[in-house]
Amino acid sequence: MECEEKRKILINSLKYNGICDKVLDAMMRVPRHLFVPDDYQETAYMDMPLPIGHNQTISAPHMVAIMCDLLEISEGMKILEVGSGSGYNAAVMAELVGEKGHIYTVERIPELAHFAEKNLKKAGYRNVTVVQDDGSCGLEEHEPYERISVTSAAPEVPRPLIDQLSTEGIMAIPVGNGEQQLVVVRKDSKGNVSYEAWGGVIFVPLIGKYGY
């Protein structure tokens, strides 16, 4: 079966999770097989996380879809991603923000930062910048961010990420050691911050100054 046909089957299965059409359309345009190691090409379009080396994974497609849905991403937005991994999640968000938007994605592991950058270039994304650094500290030079997506679990929401979130901004971040909750963080027009637990998730730990 061709990759495009497998992708269609995957995206159709995600419709039953209540994901909005905009996110599903974006995911349909992203060739996930370009973001997984060669050994996992046959399983690239299965709805499951896959190893990408260095004890890290590419998130399951349904989790990518849920987080993008919760972030309410629109065209033209500037987004910070903490944890580039293979670059797949950044690619989906890049589709959602379009040419006028930009994704800044931070990866602490040099080899994975290179892997993500290579994959994104191969897939043709020009509105994504990969930075190798401690993502738990955010990325001050391009703040504030209208949306922040964190793809690893923190012991608590890092203060730098709250500070770097713009007013009326939204962050999605897994929180907890052991039992994890996906938390949606919102900052209103006056800078007040609210937290809402979406549900249980399983992510690799956030390593860094404000992580584990």
N, C-alpha and C. Protein backbone atom coordinates (compact mmCIF):
# COMPACT_ATOMS: atom_id res chain seq x y z
N MET A 1 0.84 -1.20 0.00
CA MET A 1 0.00 0.00 0.00
C MET A 1 0.88 1.25 0.00
N GLU A 2 0.56 2.23 -0.84
CA GLU A 2 1.34 3.45 -0.93
C GLU A 2 1.19 4.31 0.32
N CYS A 3 2.20 5.15 0.56
CA CYS A 3 2.20 5.99 1.76
C CYS A 3 0.98 6.91 1.81
N GLU A 4 0.60 7.48 0.68
CA GLU A 4 -0.53 8.41 0.67
C GLU A 4 -1.83 7.71 1.06
N GLU A 5 -1.99 6.46 0.59
CA GLU A 5 -3.19 5.70 0.94
C GLU A 5 -3.20 5.37 2.43
N LYS A 6 -2.04 4.99 2.97
CA LYS A 6 -1.94 4.71 4.40
C LYS A 6 -2.26 5.97 5.21
N ARG A 7 -1.80 7.11 4.72
CA ARG A 7 -2.04 8.38 5.41
C ARG A 7 -3.53 8.68 5.44
N LYS A 8 -4.23 8.45 4.35
CA LYS A 8 -5.67 8.68 4.30
C LYS A 8 -6.41 7.82 5.31
N ILE A 9 -6.00 6.55 5.40
CA ILE A 9 -6.64 5.64 6.36
C ILE A 9 -6.42 6.13 7.78
N LEU A 10 -5.18 6.57 8.08
CA LEU A 10 -4.87 7.09 9.41
C LEU A 10 -5.72 8.32 9.73
N ILE A 11 -5.76 9.28 8.83
CA ILE A 11 -6.48 10.52 9.08
C ILE A 11 -7.98 10.26 9.25
N ASN A 12 -8.52 9.36 8.45
CA ASN A 12 -9.94 9.00 8.60
C ASN A 12 -10.22 8.41 9.98
N SER A 13 -9.27 7.63 10.49
CA SER A 13 -9.46 7.02 11.82
C SER A 13 -9.43 8.08 12.92
N LEU A 14 -8.69 9.18 12.69
CA LEU A 14 -8.59 10.23 13.70
C LEU A 14 -9.86 11.08 13.79
N LYS A 15 -10.69 11.02 12.78
CA LYS A 15 -11.94 11.79 12.80
C LYS A 15 -12.82 11.39 13.98
N TYR A 16 -12.69 10.13 14.40
CA TYR A 16 -13.53 9.64 15.49
C TYR A 16 -13.09 10.16 16.85
N ASN A 17 -11.94 10.85 16.91
CA ASN A 17 -11.48 11.46 18.16
C ASN A 17 -12.01 12.88 18.32
N GLY A 18 -12.84 13.32 17.37
CA GLY A 18 -13.42 14.66 17.45
C GLY A 18 -12.48 15.77 17.08
N ILE A 19 -11.43 15.45 16.35
CA ILE A 19 -10.44 16.45 15.92
C ILE A 19 -11.04 17.31 14.82
N CYS A 20 -10.76 18.62 14.86
CA CYS A 20 -11.34 19.52 13.86
C CYS A 20 -10.74 19.26 12.48
N ASP A 21 -11.51 19.56 11.45
CA ASP A 21 -11.09 19.29 10.08
C ASP A 21 -9.81 20.02 9.71
N LYS A 22 -9.62 21.23 10.24
CA LYS A 22 -8.42 22.01 9.91
C LYS A 22 -7.15 21.26 10.30
N VAL A 23 -7.16 20.66 11.49
CA VAL A 23 -5.99 19.90 11.95
C VAL A 23 -5.81 18.64 11.11
N LEU A 24 -6.90 17.95 10.83
CA LEU A 24 -6.82 16.73 10.02
C LEU A 24 -6.30 17.02 8.62
N ASP A 25 -6.76 18.13 8.04
CA ASP A 25 -6.28 18.51 6.70
C ASP A 25 -4.78 18.80 6.73
N ALA A 26 -4.33 19.46 7.80
CA ALA A 26 -2.90 19.75 7.94
C ALA A 26 -2.09 18.46 8.04
N MET A 27 -2.57 17.51 8.83
CA MET A 27 -1.88 16.24 9.00
C MET A 27 -1.86 15.43 7.71
N MET A 28 -2.90 15.59 6.91
CA MET A 28 -2.95 14.88 5.63
C MET A 28 -1.85 15.38 4.69
N ARG A 29 -1.44 16.63 4.88
CA ARG A 29 -0.42 17.20 4.00
C ARG A 29 1.01 16.90 4.46
N VAL A 30 1.16 16.32 5.65
CA VAL A 30 2.50 16.05 6.18
C VAL A 30 2.89 14.59 5.93
N PRO A 31 3.98 14.35 5.21
CA PRO A 31 4.44 12.98 4.95
C PRO A 31 5.16 12.40 6.17
N ARG A 32 4.43 11.77 7.06
CA ARG A 32 5.02 11.29 8.32
C ARG A 32 6.18 10.33 8.09
N HIS A 33 6.16 9.60 6.98
CA HIS A 33 7.23 8.63 6.73
C HIS A 33 8.59 9.31 6.57
N LEU A 34 8.60 10.61 6.29
CA LEU A 34 9.86 11.34 6.19
C LEU A 34 10.43 11.73 7.55
N PHE A 35 9.63 11.49 8.60
CA PHE A 35 10.04 11.91 9.95
C PHE A 35 10.31 10.73 10.89
N VAL A 36 10.36 9.52 10.35
CA VAL A 36 10.67 8.35 11.19
C VAL A 36 11.94 7.70 10.66
N PRO A 37 12.70 7.00 11.52
CA PRO A 37 13.90 6.30 11.07
C PRO A 37 13.56 5.26 9.99
N ASP A 38 14.54 4.93 9.20
CA ASP A 38 14.33 3.99 8.09
C ASP A 38 13.74 2.66 8.54
N ASP A 39 14.13 2.20 9.72
CA ASP A 39 13.66 0.90 10.20
C ASP A 39 12.16 0.88 10.50
N TYR A 40 11.53 2.06 10.58
CA TYR A 40 10.11 2.13 10.95
C TYR A 40 9.23 2.68 9.82
N GLN A 41 9.73 2.65 8.60
CA GLN A 41 8.96 3.15 7.47
C GLN A 41 7.61 2.44 7.31
N GLU A 42 7.59 1.13 7.53
CA GLU A 42 6.37 0.35 7.34
C GLU A 42 5.29 0.70 8.37
N THR A 43 5.70 1.23 9.51
CA THR A 43 4.73 1.55 10.57
C THR A 43 4.53 3.06 10.73
N ALA A 44 5.02 3.84 9.76
CA ALA A 44 4.96 5.30 9.87
C ALA A 44 3.55 5.84 10.01
N TYR A 45 2.55 5.14 9.43
CA TYR A 45 1.18 5.65 9.46
C TYR A 45 0.27 4.84 10.39
N MET A 46 0.88 4.14 11.32
CA MET A 46 0.11 3.53 12.39
C MET A 46 -0.04 4.55 13.51
N ASP A 47 -1.17 4.51 14.21
CA ASP A 47 -1.43 5.48 15.27
C ASP A 47 -0.75 5.05 16.56
N MET A 48 0.57 5.21 16.57
CA MET A 48 1.35 4.79 17.73
C MET A 48 2.65 5.59 17.76
N PRO A 49 3.21 5.80 18.97
CA PRO A 49 4.52 6.45 19.05
C PRO A 49 5.59 5.51 18.50
N LEU A 50 6.66 6.07 17.95
CA LEU A 50 7.74 5.26 17.41
C LEU A 50 9.07 5.79 17.93
N PRO A 51 10.03 4.89 18.21
CA PRO A 51 11.34 5.34 18.70
C PRO A 51 12.12 6.07 17.63
N ILE A 52 12.83 7.13 18.03
CA ILE A 52 13.66 7.88 17.10
C ILE A 52 15.10 7.96 17.60
N GLY A 53 15.43 7.12 18.60
CA GLY A 53 16.77 7.10 19.14
C GLY A 53 16.91 8.01 20.35
N HIS A 54 17.99 7.79 21.13
CA HIS A 54 18.30 8.61 22.30
C HIS A 54 17.17 8.58 23.35
N ASN A 55 16.48 7.44 23.44
CA ASN A 55 15.37 7.24 24.38
C ASN A 55 14.23 8.23 24.16
N GLN A 56 14.06 8.68 22.93
CA GLN A 56 12.98 9.60 22.59
C GLN A 56 12.04 8.96 21.57
N THR A 57 10.86 9.53 21.41
CA THR A 57 9.88 8.98 20.48
C THR A 57 9.24 10.10 19.65
N ILE A 58 8.69 9.70 18.51
CA ILE A 58 7.78 10.55 17.77
C ILE A 58 6.38 10.24 18.29
N SER A 59 5.65 11.26 18.69
CA SER A 59 4.33 11.04 19.32
C SER A 59 3.36 10.33 18.38
N ALA A 60 2.42 9.62 18.95
CA ALA A 60 1.36 9.00 18.16
C ALA A 60 0.56 10.09 17.45
N PRO A 61 0.15 9.85 16.21
CA PRO A 61 -0.61 10.87 15.47
C PRO A 61 -1.82 11.42 16.22
N HIS A 62 -2.54 10.57 16.95
CA HIS A 62 -3.73 11.08 17.65
C HIS A 62 -3.34 12.10 18.72
N MET A 63 -2.14 11.93 19.33
CA MET A 63 -1.70 12.87 20.36
C MET A 63 -1.29 14.19 19.73
N VAL A 64 -0.62 14.12 18.58
CA VAL A 64 -0.27 15.34 17.84
C VAL A 64 -1.54 16.10 17.47
N ALA A 65 -2.53 15.36 16.99
CA ALA A 65 -3.80 15.98 16.58
C ALA A 65 -4.51 16.64 17.76
N ILE A 66 -4.55 15.95 18.89
CA ILE A 66 -5.22 16.49 20.08
C ILE A 66 -4.54 17.78 20.56
N MET A 67 -3.21 17.77 20.60
CA MET A 67 -2.50 18.96 21.09
C MET A 67 -2.69 20.14 20.14
N CYS A 68 -2.63 19.88 18.84
CA CYS A 68 -2.85 20.97 17.88
C CYS A 68 -4.27 21.50 17.98
N ASP A 69 -5.22 20.61 18.22
CA ASP A 69 -6.62 21.01 18.37
C ASP A 69 -6.79 21.90 19.61
N LEU A 70 -6.19 21.48 20.72
CA LEU A 70 -6.30 22.24 21.97
C LEU A 70 -5.64 23.61 21.86
N LEU A 71 -4.60 23.71 21.04
CA LEU A 71 -3.88 24.98 20.90
C LEU A 71 -4.62 26.00 20.03
N GLU A 72 -5.62 25.55 19.30
CA GLU A 72 -6.43 26.47 18.48
C GLU A 72 -5.53 27.33 17.58
N ILE A 73 -4.72 26.67 16.80
CA ILE A 73 -3.73 27.35 15.96
C ILE A 73 -4.37 27.99 14.73
N SER A 74 -3.96 29.22 14.44
CA SER A 74 -4.46 29.94 13.28
C SER A 74 -3.29 30.38 12.39
N GLU A 75 -3.62 30.73 11.17
CA GLU A 75 -2.60 31.20 10.23
C GLU A 75 -1.89 32.45 10.77
N GLY A 76 -0.60 32.52 10.49
CA GLY A 76 0.18 33.70 10.86
C GLY A 76 0.74 33.70 12.26
N MET A 77 0.43 32.69 13.07
CA MET A 77 0.91 32.66 14.45
C MET A 77 2.39 32.34 14.56
N LYS A 78 2.98 32.83 15.65
CA LYS A 78 4.36 32.48 16.01
C LYS A 78 4.28 31.51 17.18
N ILE A 79 4.86 30.33 16.99
CA ILE A 79 4.72 29.25 17.96
C ILE A 79 6.07 28.75 18.43
N LEU A 80 6.17 28.47 19.72
CA LEU A 80 7.35 27.82 20.29
C LEU A 80 7.00 26.36 20.58
N GLU A 81 7.87 25.48 20.11
CA GLU A 81 7.74 24.06 20.46
C GLU A 81 8.95 23.67 21.29
N VAL A 82 8.70 22.99 22.39
CA VAL A 82 9.77 22.47 23.25
C VAL A 82 9.85 20.96 23.03
N GLY A 83 10.93 20.52 22.40
CA GLY A 83 11.11 19.12 22.08
C GLY A 83 10.84 18.85 20.61
N SER A 84 11.84 19.06 19.78
CA SER A 84 11.66 18.90 18.34
C SER A 84 11.45 17.45 17.93
N GLY A 85 12.16 16.54 18.63
CA GLY A 85 12.09 15.14 18.23
C GLY A 85 12.55 14.97 16.80
N SER A 86 11.69 14.40 15.97
CA SER A 86 12.03 14.18 14.56
C SER A 86 11.57 15.32 13.67
N GLY A 87 10.83 16.29 14.26
CA GLY A 87 10.32 17.41 13.48
C GLY A 87 8.89 17.27 13.00
N TYR A 88 8.26 16.13 13.27
CA TYR A 88 6.91 15.88 12.74
C TYR A 88 5.87 16.84 13.31
N ASN A 89 5.85 17.01 14.61
CA ASN A 89 4.86 17.90 15.23
C ASN A 89 5.03 19.33 14.73
N ALA A 90 6.28 19.75 14.58
CA ALA A 90 6.55 21.09 14.05
C ALA A 90 6.02 21.23 12.64
N ALA A 91 6.13 20.17 11.85
CA ALA A 91 5.65 20.20 10.47
C ALA A 91 4.13 20.37 10.42
N VAL A 92 3.43 19.66 11.30
CA VAL A 92 1.96 19.80 11.33
C VAL A 92 1.58 21.22 11.72
N MET A 93 2.25 21.77 12.73
CA MET A 93 1.95 23.15 13.14
C MET A 93 2.34 24.15 12.06
N ALA A 94 3.42 23.85 11.32
CA ALA A 94 3.83 24.72 10.22
C ALA A 94 2.76 24.79 9.15
N GLU A 95 2.08 23.68 8.91
CA GLU A 95 0.97 23.66 7.96
C GLU A 95 -0.16 24.56 8.45
N LEU A 96 -0.40 24.54 9.76
CA LEU A 96 -1.51 25.29 10.33
C LEU A 96 -1.25 26.80 10.36
N VAL A 97 0.00 27.21 10.57
CA VAL A 97 0.29 28.65 10.63
C VAL A 97 0.51 29.24 9.25
N GLY A 98 0.83 28.40 8.27
CA GLY A 98 1.02 28.87 6.90
C GLY A 98 2.30 29.66 6.71
N GLU A 99 2.46 30.21 5.52
CA GLU A 99 3.69 30.91 5.16
C GLU A 99 3.93 32.16 5.99
N LYS A 100 2.87 32.78 6.49
CA LYS A 100 3.03 34.01 7.27
C LYS A 100 3.33 33.74 8.74
N GLY A 101 3.20 32.50 9.16
CA GLY A 101 3.51 32.15 10.54
C GLY A 101 4.89 31.51 10.64
N HIS A 102 5.31 31.21 11.86
CA HIS A 102 6.63 30.59 12.04
C HIS A 102 6.64 29.73 13.29
N ILE A 103 7.36 28.60 13.18
CA ILE A 103 7.54 27.69 14.31
C ILE A 103 9.00 27.74 14.73
N TYR A 104 9.25 28.00 16.02
CA TYR A 104 10.58 27.88 16.60
C TYR A 104 10.55 26.64 17.48
N THR A 105 11.37 25.66 17.14
CA THR A 105 11.35 24.41 17.89
C THR A 105 12.72 24.15 18.50
N VAL A 106 12.74 23.83 19.80
CA VAL A 106 13.98 23.69 20.56
C VAL A 106 14.19 22.22 20.95
N GLU A 107 15.37 21.71 20.69
CA GLU A 107 15.72 20.33 21.00
C GLU A 107 17.06 20.30 21.74
N ARG A 108 17.09 19.62 22.89
CA ARG A 108 18.32 19.61 23.70
C ARG A 108 19.36 18.64 23.18
N ILE A 109 18.96 17.59 22.46
CA ILE A 109 19.89 16.56 21.98
C ILE A 109 20.40 16.95 20.60
N PRO A 110 21.69 17.21 20.45
CA PRO A 110 22.22 17.70 19.17
C PRO A 110 21.88 16.80 17.98
N GLU A 111 21.99 15.48 18.17
CA GLU A 111 21.72 14.56 17.06
C GLU A 111 20.27 14.64 16.60
N LEU A 112 19.35 14.81 17.55
CA LEU A 112 17.94 14.92 17.18
C LEU A 112 17.63 16.27 16.55
N ALA A 113 18.28 17.32 17.03
CA ALA A 113 18.11 18.63 16.42
C ALA A 113 18.51 18.57 14.95
N HIS A 114 19.61 17.90 14.67
CA HIS A 114 20.07 17.74 13.29
C HIS A 114 19.10 16.88 12.49
N PHE A 115 18.61 15.80 13.12
CA PHE A 115 17.65 14.90 12.47
C PHE A 115 16.37 15.66 12.10
N ALA A 116 15.85 16.45 13.04
CA ALA A 116 14.63 17.22 12.79
C ALA A 116 14.85 18.24 11.67
N GLU A 117 15.98 18.93 11.73
CA GLU A 117 16.28 19.95 10.71
C GLU A 117 16.37 19.31 9.32
N LYS A 118 17.03 18.16 9.25
CA LYS A 118 17.18 17.44 7.98
C LYS A 118 15.82 17.00 7.45
N ASN A 119 14.98 16.45 8.34
CA ASN A 119 13.66 15.97 7.92
C ASN A 119 12.77 17.11 7.43
N LEU A 120 12.78 18.22 8.15
CA LEU A 120 11.95 19.37 7.78
C LEU A 120 12.39 19.95 6.44
N LYS A 121 13.69 20.00 6.23
CA LYS A 121 14.21 20.49 4.95
C LYS A 121 13.81 19.56 3.82
N LYS A 122 13.93 18.25 4.07
CA LYS A 122 13.58 17.26 3.06
C LYS A 122 12.10 17.34 2.70
N ALA A 123 11.27 17.65 3.69
CA ALA A 123 9.83 17.74 3.47
C ALA A 123 9.41 19.10 2.91
N GLY A 124 10.35 20.03 2.83
CA GLY A 124 10.08 21.31 2.18
C GLY A 124 9.56 22.42 3.07
N TYR A 125 9.75 22.31 4.40
CA TYR A 125 9.25 23.35 5.31
C TYR A 125 10.28 24.45 5.51
N ARG A 126 9.88 25.68 5.21
CA ARG A 126 10.77 26.82 5.34
C ARG A 126 10.37 27.74 6.49
N ASN A 127 9.23 27.48 7.09
CA ASN A 127 8.75 28.34 8.18
C ASN A 127 8.97 27.69 9.54
N VAL A 128 10.02 26.88 9.65
CA VAL A 128 10.39 26.25 10.92
C VAL A 128 11.87 26.48 11.17
N THR A 129 12.21 26.94 12.38
CA THR A 129 13.60 27.10 12.79
C THR A 129 13.88 26.14 13.94
N VAL A 130 14.88 25.30 13.77
CA VAL A 130 15.28 24.35 14.81
C VAL A 130 16.47 24.93 15.58
N VAL A 131 16.34 24.93 16.92
CA VAL A 131 17.39 25.46 17.79
C VAL A 131 17.81 24.36 18.75
N GLN A 132 19.11 24.13 18.88
CA GLN A 132 19.61 23.14 19.83
C GLN A 132 19.93 23.85 21.15
N ASP A 133 19.12 23.56 22.19
CA ASP A 133 19.28 24.24 23.48
C ASP A 133 18.40 23.55 24.52
N ASP A 134 18.41 24.10 25.73
CA ASP A 134 17.56 23.61 26.81
C ASP A 134 16.18 24.22 26.66
N GLY A 135 15.25 23.45 26.12
CA GLY A 135 13.91 23.96 25.85
C GLY A 135 13.10 24.29 27.09
N SER A 136 13.48 23.74 28.25
CA SER A 136 12.74 24.05 29.47
C SER A 136 12.86 25.53 29.83
N CYS A 137 13.88 26.19 29.28
CA CYS A 137 14.07 27.63 29.50
C CYS A 137 13.37 28.46 28.43
N GLY A 138 12.72 27.80 27.48
CA GLY A 138 12.08 28.51 26.40
C GLY A 138 13.09 29.02 25.40
N LEU A 139 12.74 30.12 24.72
CA LEU A 139 13.62 30.73 23.72
C LEU A 139 13.35 32.22 23.73
N GLU A 140 14.11 32.93 24.57
CA GLU A 140 13.82 34.34 24.83
C GLU A 140 13.91 35.23 23.60
N GLU A 141 14.83 34.91 22.69
CA GLU A 141 15.10 35.86 21.60
C GLU A 141 13.94 36.10 20.65
N HIS A 142 12.95 35.21 20.66
CA HIS A 142 11.82 35.41 19.75
C HIS A 142 10.48 35.58 20.49
N GLU A 143 10.51 35.74 21.80
CA GLU A 143 9.27 35.89 22.56
C GLU A 143 8.60 37.24 22.28
N PRO A 144 7.31 37.38 22.55
CA PRO A 144 6.40 36.36 23.09
C PRO A 144 5.85 35.46 21.99
N TYR A 145 5.33 34.32 22.40
CA TYR A 145 4.76 33.34 21.49
C TYR A 145 3.26 33.24 21.71
N GLU A 146 2.53 33.20 20.62
CA GLU A 146 1.07 33.10 20.74
C GLU A 146 0.62 31.71 21.17
N ARG A 147 1.44 30.73 20.86
CA ARG A 147 1.17 29.37 21.28
C ARG A 147 2.49 28.70 21.68
N ILE A 148 2.43 27.81 22.68
CA ILE A 148 3.59 27.02 23.08
C ILE A 148 3.15 25.56 23.20
N SER A 149 3.87 24.68 22.52
CA SER A 149 3.59 23.25 22.56
C SER A 149 4.78 22.53 23.16
N VAL A 150 4.54 21.80 24.24
CA VAL A 150 5.62 21.08 24.93
C VAL A 150 5.38 19.58 24.77
N THR A 151 6.38 18.88 24.22
CA THR A 151 6.19 17.47 23.88
C THR A 151 6.91 16.52 24.83
N SER A 152 7.18 16.98 26.06
CA SER A 152 7.72 16.12 27.11
C SER A 152 7.18 16.61 28.44
N ALA A 153 7.13 15.70 29.41
CA ALA A 153 6.44 16.00 30.67
C ALA A 153 7.34 16.69 31.68
N ALA A 154 6.86 17.80 32.22
CA ALA A 154 7.59 18.58 33.22
C ALA A 154 7.04 18.30 34.62
N PRO A 155 7.85 18.51 35.66
CA PRO A 155 7.34 18.35 37.02
C PRO A 155 6.27 19.39 37.35
N GLU A 156 6.38 20.58 36.74
CA GLU A 156 5.38 21.64 36.83
C GLU A 156 5.59 22.53 35.60
N VAL A 157 4.65 23.41 35.35
CA VAL A 157 4.78 24.27 34.18
C VAL A 157 5.96 25.23 34.40
N PRO A 158 7.01 25.18 33.55
CA PRO A 158 8.18 26.03 33.75
C PRO A 158 7.83 27.52 33.70
N ARG A 159 8.33 28.25 34.67
CA ARG A 159 8.05 29.69 34.73
C ARG A 159 8.48 30.44 33.47
N PRO A 160 9.65 30.13 32.88
CA PRO A 160 10.04 30.86 31.67
C PRO A 160 9.03 30.71 30.52
N LEU A 161 8.39 29.54 30.44
CA LEU A 161 7.43 29.33 29.37
C LEU A 161 6.16 30.17 29.60
N ILE A 162 5.76 30.30 30.86
CA ILE A 162 4.62 31.16 31.17
C ILE A 162 4.95 32.61 30.82
N ASP A 163 6.16 33.03 31.17
CA ASP A 163 6.58 34.41 30.90
C ASP A 163 6.66 34.70 29.40
N GLN A 164 7.04 33.69 28.62
CA GLN A 164 7.22 33.88 27.18
C GLN A 164 5.93 33.69 26.38
N LEU A 165 4.86 33.28 27.04
CA LEU A 165 3.55 33.16 26.39
C LEU A 165 2.92 34.54 26.28
N SER A 166 2.42 34.88 25.11
CA SER A 166 1.82 36.20 24.92
C SER A 166 0.48 36.30 25.63
N THR A 167 -0.01 37.51 25.82
CA THR A 167 -1.37 37.67 26.34
C THR A 167 -2.33 37.07 25.33
N GLU A 168 -3.38 36.46 25.84
CA GLU A 168 -4.35 35.72 25.05
C GLU A 168 -3.70 34.52 24.35
N GLY A 169 -2.59 34.05 24.90
CA GLY A 169 -1.89 32.90 24.35
C GLY A 169 -2.32 31.60 25.02
N ILE A 170 -1.98 30.48 24.39
CA ILE A 170 -2.33 29.15 24.91
C ILE A 170 -1.09 28.26 24.86
N MET A 171 -0.90 27.49 25.92
CA MET A 171 0.16 26.49 25.97
C MET A 171 -0.45 25.13 26.28
N ALA A 172 0.08 24.08 25.63
CA ALA A 172 -0.29 22.70 25.97
C ALA A 172 0.97 22.00 26.45
N ILE A 173 0.90 21.42 27.65
CA ILE A 173 2.09 20.81 28.24
C ILE A 173 1.71 19.63 29.14
N PRO A 174 2.39 18.49 28.99
CA PRO A 174 2.18 17.37 29.92
C PRO A 174 2.89 17.68 31.24
N VAL A 175 2.22 17.40 32.35
CA VAL A 175 2.79 17.68 33.67
C VAL A 175 2.64 16.46 34.56
N GLY A 176 3.73 16.13 35.26
CA GLY A 176 3.65 15.05 36.24
C GLY A 176 4.73 14.00 36.04
N ASN A 177 5.07 13.33 37.12
CA ASN A 177 6.03 12.23 37.10
C ASN A 177 5.27 10.98 37.51
N GLY A 178 5.20 10.00 36.62
CA GLY A 178 4.34 8.85 36.87
C GLY A 178 3.00 9.11 36.22
N GLU A 179 2.03 9.55 37.00
CA GLU A 179 0.74 9.92 36.41
C GLU A 179 0.86 11.33 35.82
N GLN A 180 0.70 11.42 34.53
CA GLN A 180 0.83 12.71 33.84
C GLN A 180 -0.54 13.21 33.39
N GLN A 181 -0.69 14.52 33.40
CA GLN A 181 -1.88 15.17 32.88
C GLN A 181 -1.47 16.16 31.79
N LEU A 182 -2.22 16.19 30.70
CA LEU A 182 -2.00 17.22 29.69
C LEU A 182 -2.71 18.48 30.18
N VAL A 183 -1.95 19.54 30.38
CA VAL A 183 -2.49 20.77 30.94
C VAL A 183 -2.54 21.85 29.86
N VAL A 184 -3.69 22.53 29.78
CA VAL A 184 -3.85 23.66 28.87
C VAL A 184 -3.73 24.94 29.70
N VAL A 185 -2.73 25.73 29.36
CA VAL A 185 -2.45 26.98 30.08
C VAL A 185 -2.91 28.14 29.21
N ARG A 186 -3.67 29.05 29.80
CA ARG A 186 -4.15 30.23 29.06
C ARG A 186 -3.74 31.50 29.81
N LYS A 187 -3.33 32.51 29.04
CA LYS A 187 -3.01 33.81 29.61
C LYS A 187 -3.97 34.83 28.99
N ASP A 188 -4.75 35.50 29.83
CA ASP A 188 -5.75 36.43 29.30
C ASP A 188 -5.14 37.78 28.93
N SER A 189 -5.98 38.69 28.49
CA SER A 189 -5.51 39.99 28.00
C SER A 189 -4.84 40.83 29.09
N LYS A 190 -5.12 40.50 30.37
CA LYS A 190 -4.50 41.22 31.48
C LYS A 190 -3.27 40.49 32.04
N GLY A 191 -2.94 39.36 31.44
CA GLY A 191 -1.78 38.60 31.91
C GLY A 191 -2.08 37.58 32.97
N ASN A 192 -3.37 37.41 33.32
CA ASN A 192 -3.74 36.40 34.30
C ASN A 192 -3.63 35.01 33.68
N VAL A 193 -3.13 34.05 34.44
CA VAL A 193 -2.87 32.71 33.91
C VAL A 193 -3.83 31.70 34.55
N SER A 194 -4.41 30.84 33.71
CA SER A 194 -5.29 29.77 34.20
C SER A 194 -4.79 28.42 33.69
N TYR A 195 -5.15 27.36 34.42
CA TYR A 195 -4.68 26.02 34.10
C TYR A 195 -5.88 25.08 34.07
N GLU A 196 -5.93 24.25 33.03
CA GLU A 196 -7.01 23.28 32.92
C GLU A 196 -6.44 21.92 32.53
N ALA A 197 -6.73 20.89 33.33
CA ALA A 197 -6.25 19.54 33.03
C ALA A 197 -7.16 18.91 31.97
N TRP A 198 -6.56 18.46 30.88
CA TRP A 198 -7.35 17.85 29.80
C TRP A 198 -7.57 16.36 30.05
N GLY A 199 -6.53 15.65 30.47
CA GLY A 199 -6.66 14.21 30.68
C GLY A 199 -5.29 13.55 30.81
N GLY A 200 -5.29 12.26 31.10
CA GLY A 200 -4.06 11.52 31.29
C GLY A 200 -3.31 11.25 30.00
N VAL A 201 -2.00 11.36 30.06
CA VAL A 201 -1.14 11.13 28.89
C VAL A 201 0.15 10.44 29.34
N ILE A 202 0.95 10.00 28.36
CA ILE A 202 2.26 9.42 28.65
C ILE A 202 3.27 10.04 27.70
N PHE A 203 4.21 10.80 28.26
CA PHE A 203 5.28 11.43 27.47
C PHE A 203 6.63 11.14 28.12
N VAL A 204 7.69 11.27 27.34
CA VAL A 204 9.03 11.18 27.92
C VAL A 204 9.24 12.42 28.81
N PRO A 205 10.14 12.35 29.80
CA PRO A 205 10.34 13.48 30.71
C PRO A 205 11.05 14.66 30.05
N LEU A 206 10.69 15.85 30.49
CA LEU A 206 11.39 17.06 30.07
C LEU A 206 12.68 17.17 30.88
N ILE A 207 13.80 17.17 30.19
CA ILE A 207 15.10 17.25 30.86
C ILE A 207 15.64 18.67 30.69
N GLY A 208 16.12 19.26 31.76
CA GLY A 208 16.68 20.60 31.66
C GLY A 208 16.58 21.35 32.98
N LYS A 209 16.93 22.61 32.97
CA LYS A 209 16.96 23.43 34.18
C LYS A 209 15.61 23.46 34.87
N TYR A 210 14.52 23.52 34.11
CA TYR A 210 13.18 23.57 34.68
C TYR A 210 12.42 22.25 34.48
N GLY A 211 13.18 21.20 34.19
CA GLY A 211 12.58 19.88 34.02
C GLY A 211 13.14 18.93 35.07
N TYR A 212 13.36 17.70 34.66
CA TYR A 212 13.88 16.70 35.59
C TYR A 212 15.40 16.62 35.52
